[in-house]
């Protein structure tokens, strides 16, 4: 996902996440070695914002870590 407003903290090598969108869904793939990175700042607040914005049009944010799936 490319967003000019996201800073260097969101680079996959630093964030330990890959993010992409498919239709109404934003998918977050979390590095298996960083289980809760998506719950930390600055990531969690941004994911919450995306989820809130997506919900207005029936979309959602979903996080995958290993075999676990979380809907924000």
C-alpha atoms as a PDB file:
ATOM      1  CA  UNK A   1       0.000   0.000   0.000  1.00  0.00           C
ATOM      2  CA  UNK A   2       1.364   3.365  -0.949  1.00  0.00           C
ATOM      3  CA  UNK A   3       0.270   6.370   1.055  1.00  0.00           C
ATOM      4  CA  UNK A   4       2.248   9.602   0.916  1.00  0.00           C
ATOM      5  CA  UNK A   5       1.150  10.448   4.461  1.00  0.00           C
ATOM      6  CA  UNK A   6       2.736   7.343   5.985  1.00  0.00           C
ATOM      7  CA  UNK A   7       6.272   7.908   7.190  1.00  0.00           C
ATOM      8  CA  UNK A   8       9.334   5.683   7.278  1.00  0.00           C
ATOM      9  CA  UNK A   9       7.972   3.809  10.320  1.00  0.00           C
ATOM     10  CA  UNK A  10       5.597   2.084   7.882  1.00  0.00           C
ATOM     11  CA  UNK A  11       8.308   0.627   5.671  1.00  0.00           C
ATOM     12  CA  UNK A  12       7.801  -3.159   5.825  1.00  0.00           C
ATOM     13  CA  UNK A  13      11.353  -3.725   7.055  1.00  0.00           C
ATOM     14  CA  UNK A  14      10.683  -1.431  10.036  1.00  0.00           C
ATOM     15  CA  UNK A  15       6.983  -2.059  10.625  1.00  0.00           C
ATOM     16  CA  UNK A  16       7.260  -5.834  10.262  1.00  0.00           C
ATOM     17  CA  UNK A  17       3.959  -5.735   8.405  1.00  0.00           C
ATOM     18  CA  UNK A  18       2.819  -5.718   4.818  1.00  0.00           C
ATOM     19  CA  UNK A  19      -0.365  -3.854   3.988  1.00  0.00           C
ATOM     20  CA  UNK A  20      -2.546  -4.047   0.933  1.00  0.00           C
ATOM     21  CA  UNK A  21      -6.104  -3.315   0.009  1.00  0.00           C
ATOM     22  CA  UNK A  22      -8.558  -5.480  -1.891  1.00  0.00           C
ATOM     23  CA  UNK A  23     -11.854  -3.834  -2.611  1.00  0.00           C
ATOM     24  CA  UNK A  24     -13.409  -2.895   0.737  1.00  0.00           C
ATOM     25  CA  UNK A  25     -10.800  -4.810   2.755  1.00  0.00           C
ATOM     26  CA  UNK A  26      -7.436  -3.606   4.044  1.00  0.00           C
ATOM     27  CA  UNK A  27      -5.249  -6.593   4.855  1.00  0.00           C
ATOM     28  CA  UNK A  28      -2.335  -6.511   7.284  1.00  0.00           C
ATOM     29  CA  UNK A  29       0.158  -9.393   7.170  1.00  0.00           C
ATOM     30  CA  UNK A  30       2.253  -9.369  10.355  1.00  0.00           C
ATOM     31  CA  UNK A  31       5.766 -10.794  10.556  1.00  0.00           C
ATOM     32  CA  UNK A  32       5.545 -14.043  12.601  1.00  0.00           C
ATOM     33  CA  UNK A  33       8.365 -12.818  14.865  1.00  0.00           C
ATOM     34  CA  UNK A  34       6.482  -9.631  15.828  1.00  0.00           C
ATOM     35  CA  UNK A  35       3.134 -10.836  17.170  1.00  0.00           C
ATOM     36  CA  UNK A  36       1.828  -7.581  18.638  1.00  0.00           C
ATOM     37  CA  UNK A  37       3.566  -4.958  16.500  1.00  0.00           C
ATOM     38  CA  UNK A  38       0.226  -3.934  15.004  1.00  0.00           C
ATOM     39  CA  UNK A  39      -1.078  -3.115  18.484  1.00  0.00           C
ATOM     40  CA  UNK A  40       1.742  -0.612  19.092  1.00  0.00           C
ATOM     41  CA  UNK A  41       1.926   3.031  18.079  1.00  0.00           C
ATOM     42  CA  UNK A  42       2.058   4.564  15.579  1.00  0.00           C
ATOM     43  CA  UNK A  43       0.446   1.554  13.925  1.00  0.00           C
ATOM     44  CA  UNK A  44      -2.582   0.854  16.097  1.00  0.00           C
ATOM     45  CA  UNK A  45      -4.035   4.363  15.879  1.00  0.00           C
ATOM     46  CA  UNK A  46      -3.680   4.385  12.099  1.00  0.00           C
ATOM     47  CA  UNK A  47      -5.251   0.940  11.747  1.00  0.00           C
ATOM     48  CA  UNK A  48      -8.166   2.098  13.910  1.00  0.00           C
ATOM     49  CA  UNK A  49      -8.556   5.161  11.691  1.00  0.00           C
ATOM     50  CA  UNK A  50      -8.543   3.055   8.523  1.00  0.00           C
ATOM     51  CA  UNK A  51     -11.099   0.684  10.060  1.00  0.00           C
ATOM     52  CA  UNK A  52     -13.386   3.558  11.003  1.00  0.00           C
ATOM     53  CA  UNK A  53     -13.141   5.082   7.528  1.00  0.00           C
ATOM     54  CA  UNK A  54     -13.644   1.722   5.804  1.00  0.00           C
ATOM     55  CA  UNK A  55     -16.693   0.860   7.927  1.00  0.00           C
ATOM     56  CA  UNK A  56     -18.590   3.823   6.472  1.00  0.00           C
ATOM     57  CA  UNK A  57     -18.721   2.024   3.126  1.00  0.00           C
ATOM     58  CA  UNK A  58     -18.965  -1.564   4.381  1.00  0.00           C
ATOM     59  CA  UNK A  59     -15.202  -2.154   4.479  1.00  0.00           C
ATOM     60  CA  UNK A  60     -12.941  -3.398   7.229  1.00  0.00           C
ATOM     61  CA  UNK A  61      -9.354  -3.955   8.314  1.00  0.00           C
ATOM     62  CA  UNK A  62      -8.194  -7.495   8.928  1.00  0.00           C
ATOM     63  CA  UNK A  63      -4.904  -8.539  10.533  1.00  0.00           C
ATOM     64  CA  UNK A  64      -3.214 -11.893   9.940  1.00  0.00           C
ATOM     65  CA  UNK A  65      -0.525 -13.163  12.298  1.00  0.00           C
ATOM     66  CA  UNK A  66       0.452 -16.789  11.793  1.00  0.00           C
ATOM     67  CA  UNK A  67      -2.838 -18.733  11.954  1.00  0.00           C
ATOM     68  CA  UNK A  68      -4.680 -16.003  13.859  1.00  0.00           C
ATOM     69  CA  UNK A  69      -7.023 -13.470  12.267  1.00  0.00           C
ATOM     70  CA  UNK A  70      -8.222 -10.223  13.855  1.00  0.00           C
ATOM     71  CA  UNK A  71     -10.835  -7.838  12.518  1.00  0.00           C
ATOM     72  CA  UNK A  72     -10.368  -4.245  13.606  1.00  0.00           C
END
